[in-house]
Amino acid sequence: MDVESLKKQVQLMRVLVAGCKNHPAYRAIRPATGNCEPCVKMWKARLELNDMEKQC
């Protein structure tokens, strides 16, 4: 892996680690409802990480 892809992975993982203050139990296992912006950001980060994993 190149350095840029690793930096992107770290950035996405930080989004997942930060979580949502309103929904602390949500860990992006299933799609977000769309009502909570932090949860939606977590879901998008999870999808990007999954795509990056499939490419390797």
PDB file of N, CA and C in Angstrom:
ATOM      1  N   MET A   1       0.840  -1.182   0.000  1.00  0.00           N
ATOM      2  CA  MET A   1       0.000   0.000   0.000  1.00  0.00           C
ATOM      3  C   MET A   1       0.881   1.240   0.000  1.00  0.00           C
ATOM      4  N   ASP A   2       0.394   2.249  -0.655  1.00  0.00           N
ATOM      5  CA  ASP A   2       1.157   3.493  -0.660  1.00  0.00           C
ATOM      6  C   ASP A   2       0.771   4.354   0.547  1.00  0.00           C
ATOM      7  N   VAL A   3       1.546   5.369   0.766  1.00  0.00           N
ATOM      8  CA  VAL A   3       1.373   6.219   1.942  1.00  0.00           C
ATOM      9  C   VAL A   3       0.038   6.952   1.916  1.00  0.00           C
ATOM     10  N   GLU A   4      -0.387   7.400   0.758  1.00  0.00           N
ATOM     11  CA  GLU A   4      -1.651   8.157   0.662  1.00  0.00           C
ATOM     12  C   GLU A   4      -2.853   7.296   1.042  1.00  0.00           C
ATOM     13  N   SER A   5      -2.864   6.046   0.617  1.00  0.00           N
ATOM     14  CA  SER A   5      -3.989   5.182   0.972  1.00  0.00           C
ATOM     15  C   SER A   5      -3.985   4.868   2.465  1.00  0.00           C
ATOM     16  N   LEU A   6      -2.805   4.728   3.040  1.00  0.00           N
ATOM     17  CA  LEU A   6      -2.729   4.504   4.486  1.00  0.00           C
ATOM     18  C   LEU A   6      -3.214   5.722   5.260  1.00  0.00           C
ATOM     19  N   LYS A   7      -2.861   6.918   4.789  1.00  0.00           N
ATOM     20  CA  LYS A   7      -3.342   8.145   5.439  1.00  0.00           C
ATOM     21  C   LYS A   7      -4.859   8.235   5.354  1.00  0.00           C
ATOM     22  N   LYS A   8      -5.420   7.851   4.215  1.00  0.00           N
ATOM     23  CA  LYS A   8      -6.877   7.879   4.033  1.00  0.00           C
ATOM     24  C   LYS A   8      -7.538   6.884   4.988  1.00  0.00           C
ATOM     25  N   GLN A   9      -6.946   5.695   5.137  1.00  0.00           N
ATOM     26  CA  GLN A   9      -7.489   4.703   6.063  1.00  0.00           C
ATOM     27  C   GLN A   9      -7.473   5.221   7.498  1.00  0.00           C
ATOM     28  N   VAL A  10      -6.391   5.858   7.883  1.00  0.00           N
ATOM     29  CA  VAL A  10      -6.294   6.408   9.238  1.00  0.00           C
ATOM     30  C   VAL A  10      -7.361   7.474   9.455  1.00  0.00           C
ATOM     31  N   GLN A  11      -7.554   8.321   8.445  1.00  0.00           N
ATOM     32  CA  GLN A  11      -8.567   9.374   8.549  1.00  0.00           C
ATOM     33  C   GLN A  11      -9.960   8.766   8.719  1.00  0.00           C
ATOM     34  N   LEU A  12     -10.279   7.747   7.931  1.00  0.00           N
ATOM     35  CA  LEU A  12     -11.587   7.103   8.025  1.00  0.00           C
ATOM     36  C   LEU A  12     -11.762   6.381   9.360  1.00  0.00           C
ATOM     37  N   MET A  13     -10.701   5.769   9.846  1.00  0.00           N
ATOM     38  CA  MET A  13     -10.786   5.079  11.128  1.00  0.00           C
ATOM     39  C   MET A  13     -10.983   6.063  12.271  1.00  0.00           C
ATOM     40  N   ARG A  14     -10.408   7.247  12.149  1.00  0.00           N
ATOM     41  CA  ARG A  14     -10.617   8.274  13.175  1.00  0.00           C
ATOM     42  C   ARG A  14     -12.078   8.693  13.240  1.00  0.00           C
ATOM     43  N   VAL A  15     -12.743   8.748  12.083  1.00  0.00           N
ATOM     44  CA  VAL A  15     -14.176   9.071  12.057  1.00  0.00           C
ATOM     45  C   VAL A  15     -14.947   7.996  12.814  1.00  0.00           C
ATOM     46  N   LEU A  16     -14.586   6.734  12.588  1.00  0.00           N
ATOM     47  CA  LEU A  16     -15.278   5.647  13.276  1.00  0.00           C
ATOM     48  C   LEU A  16     -14.995   5.659  14.778  1.00  0.00           C
ATOM     49  N   VAL A  17     -13.776   5.959  15.154  1.00  0.00           N
ATOM     50  CA  VAL A  17     -13.416   5.982  16.577  1.00  0.00           C
ATOM     51  C   VAL A  17     -14.106   7.135  17.291  1.00  0.00           C
ATOM     52  N   ALA A  18     -14.229   8.274  16.623  1.00  0.00           N
ATOM     53  CA  ALA A  18     -14.867   9.437  17.240  1.00  0.00           C
ATOM     54  C   ALA A  18     -16.317   9.134  17.596  1.00  0.00           C
ATOM     55  N   GLY A  19     -16.991   8.377  16.758  1.00  0.00           N
ATOM     56  CA  GLY A  19     -18.359   7.964  17.044  1.00  0.00           C
ATOM     57  C   GLY A  19     -19.352   9.114  17.024  1.00  0.00           C
ATOM     58  N   CYS A  20     -20.480   8.886  17.647  1.00  0.00           N
ATOM     59  CA  CYS A  20     -21.569   9.855  17.702  1.00  0.00           C
ATOM     60  C   CYS A  20     -21.921  10.094  19.166  1.00  0.00           C
ATOM     61  N   LYS A  21     -21.945  11.346  19.569  1.00  0.00           N
ATOM     62  CA  LYS A  21     -22.257  11.667  20.963  1.00  0.00           C
ATOM     63  C   LYS A  21     -23.723  11.383  21.302  1.00  0.00           C
ATOM     64  N   ASN A  22     -24.605  11.470  20.302  1.00  0.00           N
ATOM     65  CA  ASN A  22     -26.031  11.215  20.536  1.00  0.00           C
ATOM     66  C   ASN A  22     -26.360   9.732  20.548  1.00  0.00           C
ATOM     67  N   HIS A  23     -25.601   8.947  19.787  1.00  0.00           N
ATOM     68  CA  HIS A  23     -25.861   7.515  19.661  1.00  0.00           C
ATOM     69  C   HIS A  23     -24.557   6.748  19.915  1.00  0.00           C
ATOM     70  N   PRO A  24     -24.129   6.658  21.165  1.00  0.00           N
ATOM     71  CA  PRO A  24     -22.831   6.041  21.461  1.00  0.00           C
ATOM     72  C   PRO A  24     -22.762   4.553  21.119  1.00  0.00           C
ATOM     73  N   ALA A  25     -23.892   3.883  21.016  1.00  0.00           N
ATOM     74  CA  ALA A  25     -23.884   2.461  20.700  1.00  0.00           C
ATOM     75  C   ALA A  25     -23.767   2.194  19.199  1.00  0.00           C
ATOM     76  N   TYR A  26     -23.973   3.208  18.358  1.00  0.00           N
ATOM     77  CA  TYR A  26     -23.912   3.015  16.909  1.00  0.00           C
ATOM     78  C   TYR A  26     -22.462   2.864  16.471  1.00  0.00           C
ATOM     79  N   ARG A  27     -22.139   1.771  15.808  1.00  0.00           N
ATOM     80  CA  ARG A  27     -20.783   1.510  15.343  1.00  0.00           C
ATOM     81  C   ARG A  27     -20.738   1.198  13.853  1.00  0.00           C
ATOM     82  N   ALA A  28     -21.721   1.675  13.104  1.00  0.00           N
ATOM     83  CA  ALA A  28     -21.762   1.551  11.642  1.00  0.00           C
ATOM     84  C   ALA A  28     -21.803   0.096  11.193  1.00  0.00           C
ATOM     85  N   ILE A  29     -22.503  -0.734  11.943  1.00  0.00           N
ATOM     86  CA  ILE A  29     -22.680  -2.124  11.545  1.00  0.00           C
ATOM     87  C   ILE A  29     -23.797  -2.225  10.505  1.00  0.00           C
ATOM     88  N   ARG A  30     -24.803  -1.397  10.652  1.00  0.00           N
ATOM     89  CA  ARG A  30     -25.906  -1.347   9.675  1.00  0.00           C
ATOM     90  C   ARG A  30     -26.072   0.105   9.230  1.00  0.00           C
ATOM     91  N   PRO A  31     -26.755   0.328   8.114  1.00  0.00           N
ATOM     92  CA  PRO A  31     -26.879   1.705   7.593  1.00  0.00           C
ATOM     93  C   PRO A  31     -27.528   2.659   8.598  1.00  0.00           C
ATOM     94  N   ALA A  32     -27.065   3.899   8.546  1.00  0.00           N
ATOM     95  CA  ALA A  32     -27.633   4.938   9.399  1.00  0.00           C
ATOM     96  C   ALA A  32     -29.004   5.345   8.865  1.00  0.00           C
ATOM     97  N   THR A  33     -29.834   5.868   9.748  1.00  0.00           N
ATOM     98  CA  THR A  33     -31.182   6.266   9.336  1.00  0.00           C
ATOM     99  C   THR A  33     -31.169   7.524   8.476  1.00  0.00           C
ATOM    100  N   GLY A  34     -30.132   8.332   8.603  1.00  0.00           N
ATOM    101  CA  GLY A  34     -30.046   9.565   7.831  1.00  0.00           C
ATOM    102  C   GLY A  34     -30.470  10.781   8.617  1.00  0.00           C
ATOM    103  N   ASN A  35     -30.923  10.589   9.834  1.00  0.00           N
ATOM    104  CA  ASN A  35     -31.375  11.703  10.666  1.00  0.00           C
ATOM    105  C   ASN A  35     -30.244  12.346  11.465  1.00  0.00           C
ATOM    106  N   CYS A  36     -29.147  11.639  11.632  1.00  0.00           N
ATOM    107  CA  CYS A  36     -28.047  12.100  12.469  1.00  0.00           C
ATOM    108  C   CYS A  36     -26.787  12.203  11.597  1.00  0.00           C
ATOM    109  N   GLU A  37     -26.259  13.405  11.447  1.00  0.00           N
ATOM    110  CA  GLU A  37     -25.106  13.628  10.556  1.00  0.00           C
ATOM    111  C   GLU A  37     -23.861  12.843  10.976  1.00  0.00           C
ATOM    112  N   PRO A  38     -23.485  12.812  12.273  1.00  0.00           N
ATOM    113  CA  PRO A  38     -22.304  12.011  12.648  1.00  0.00           C
ATOM    114  C   PRO A  38     -22.470  10.522  12.318  1.00  0.00           C
ATOM    115  N   CYS A  39     -23.671   9.991  12.483  1.00  0.00           N
ATOM    116  CA  CYS A  39     -23.911   8.585  12.154  1.00  0.00           C
ATOM    117  C   CYS A  39     -23.786   8.351  10.652  1.00  0.00           C
ATOM    118  N   VAL A  40     -24.268   9.282   9.862  1.00  0.00           N
ATOM    119  CA  VAL A  40     -24.161   9.163   8.407  1.00  0.00           C
ATOM    120  C   VAL A  40     -22.698   9.217   7.991  1.00  0.00           C
ATOM    121  N   LYS A  41     -21.908  10.102   8.610  1.00  0.00           N
ATOM    122  CA  LYS A  41     -20.482  10.183   8.301  1.00  0.00           C
ATOM    123  C   LYS A  41     -19.773   8.880   8.661  1.00  0.00           C
ATOM    124  N   MET A  42     -20.161   8.289   9.781  1.00  0.00           N
ATOM    125  CA  MET A  42     -19.566   7.019  10.181  1.00  0.00           C
ATOM    126  C   MET A  42     -19.900   5.927   9.177  1.00  0.00           C
ATOM    127  N   TRP A  43     -21.135   5.885   8.716  1.00  0.00           N
ATOM    128  CA  TRP A  43     -21.553   4.862   7.765  1.00  0.00           C
ATOM    129  C   TRP A  43     -20.778   5.012   6.451  1.00  0.00           C
ATOM    130  N   LYS A  44     -20.628   6.248   5.980  1.00  0.00           N
ATOM    131  CA  LYS A  44     -19.879   6.484   4.745  1.00  0.00           C
ATOM    132  C   LYS A  44     -18.411   6.089   4.909  1.00  0.00           C
ATOM    133  N   ALA A  45     -17.839   6.369   6.072  1.00  0.00           N
ATOM    134  CA  ALA A  45     -16.458   5.976   6.337  1.00  0.00           C
ATOM    135  C   ALA A  45     -16.323   4.459   6.332  1.00  0.00           C
ATOM    136  N   ARG A  46     -17.291   3.771   6.915  1.00  0.00           N
ATOM    137  CA  ARG A  46     -17.274   2.306   6.930  1.00  0.00           C
ATOM    138  C   ARG A  46     -17.325   1.748   5.513  1.00  0.00           C
ATOM    139  N   LEU A  47     -18.194   2.328   4.665  1.00  0.00           N
ATOM    140  CA  LEU A  47     -18.293   1.861   3.290  1.00  0.00           C
ATOM    141  C   LEU A  47     -16.985   2.083   2.524  1.00  0.00           C
ATOM    142  N   GLU A  48     -16.365   3.236   2.729  1.00  0.00           N
ATOM    143  CA  GLU A  48     -15.085   3.514   2.059  1.00  0.00           C
ATOM    144  C   GLU A  48     -14.002   2.549   2.513  1.00  0.00           C
ATOM    145  N   LEU A  49     -13.952   2.267   3.807  1.00  0.00           N
ATOM    146  CA  LEU A  49     -12.964   1.315   4.305  1.00  0.00           C
ATOM    147  C   LEU A  49     -13.192  -0.072   3.729  1.00  0.00           C
ATOM    148  N   ASN A  50     -14.446  -0.474   3.635  1.00  0.00           N
ATOM    149  CA  ASN A  50     -14.753  -1.779   3.044  1.00  0.00           C
ATOM    150  C   ASN A  50     -14.323  -1.828   1.586  1.00  0.00           C
ATOM    151  N   ASP A  51     -14.544  -0.755   0.837  1.00  0.00           N
ATOM    152  CA  ASP A  51     -14.125  -0.700  -0.561  1.00  0.00           C
ATOM    153  C   ASP A  51     -12.608  -0.768  -0.687  1.00  0.00           C
ATOM    154  N   MET A  52     -11.904  -0.063   0.186  1.00  0.00           N
ATOM    155  CA  MET A  52     -10.450  -0.083   0.162  1.00  0.00           C
ATOM    156  C   MET A  52      -9.919  -1.488   0.478  1.00  0.00           C
ATOM    157  N   GLU A  53     -10.595  -2.175   1.381  1.00  0.00           N
ATOM    158  CA  GLU A  53     -10.178  -3.522   1.761  1.00  0.00           C
ATOM    159  C   GLU A  53     -10.370  -4.491   0.600  1.00  0.00           C
ATOM    160  N   LYS A  54     -11.442  -4.341  -0.139  1.00  0.00           N
ATOM    161  CA  LYS A  54     -11.713  -5.216  -1.278  1.00  0.00           C
ATOM    162  C   LYS A  54     -10.707  -5.017  -2.404  1.00  0.00           C
ATOM    163  N   GLN A  55     -10.192  -3.806  -2.552  1.00  0.00           N
ATOM    164  CA  GLN A  55      -9.239  -3.512  -3.613  1.00  0.00           C
ATOM    165  C   GLN A  55      -7.880  -4.142  -3.357  1.00  0.00           C
ATOM    166  N   CYS A  56      -7.553  -4.381  -2.105  1.00  0.00           N
ATOM    167  CA  CYS A  56      -6.220  -4.946  -1.766  1.00  0.00           C
ATOM    168  C   CYS A  56      -6.125  -6.403  -2.050  1.00  0.00           C
TER     169      CYS A  56
END
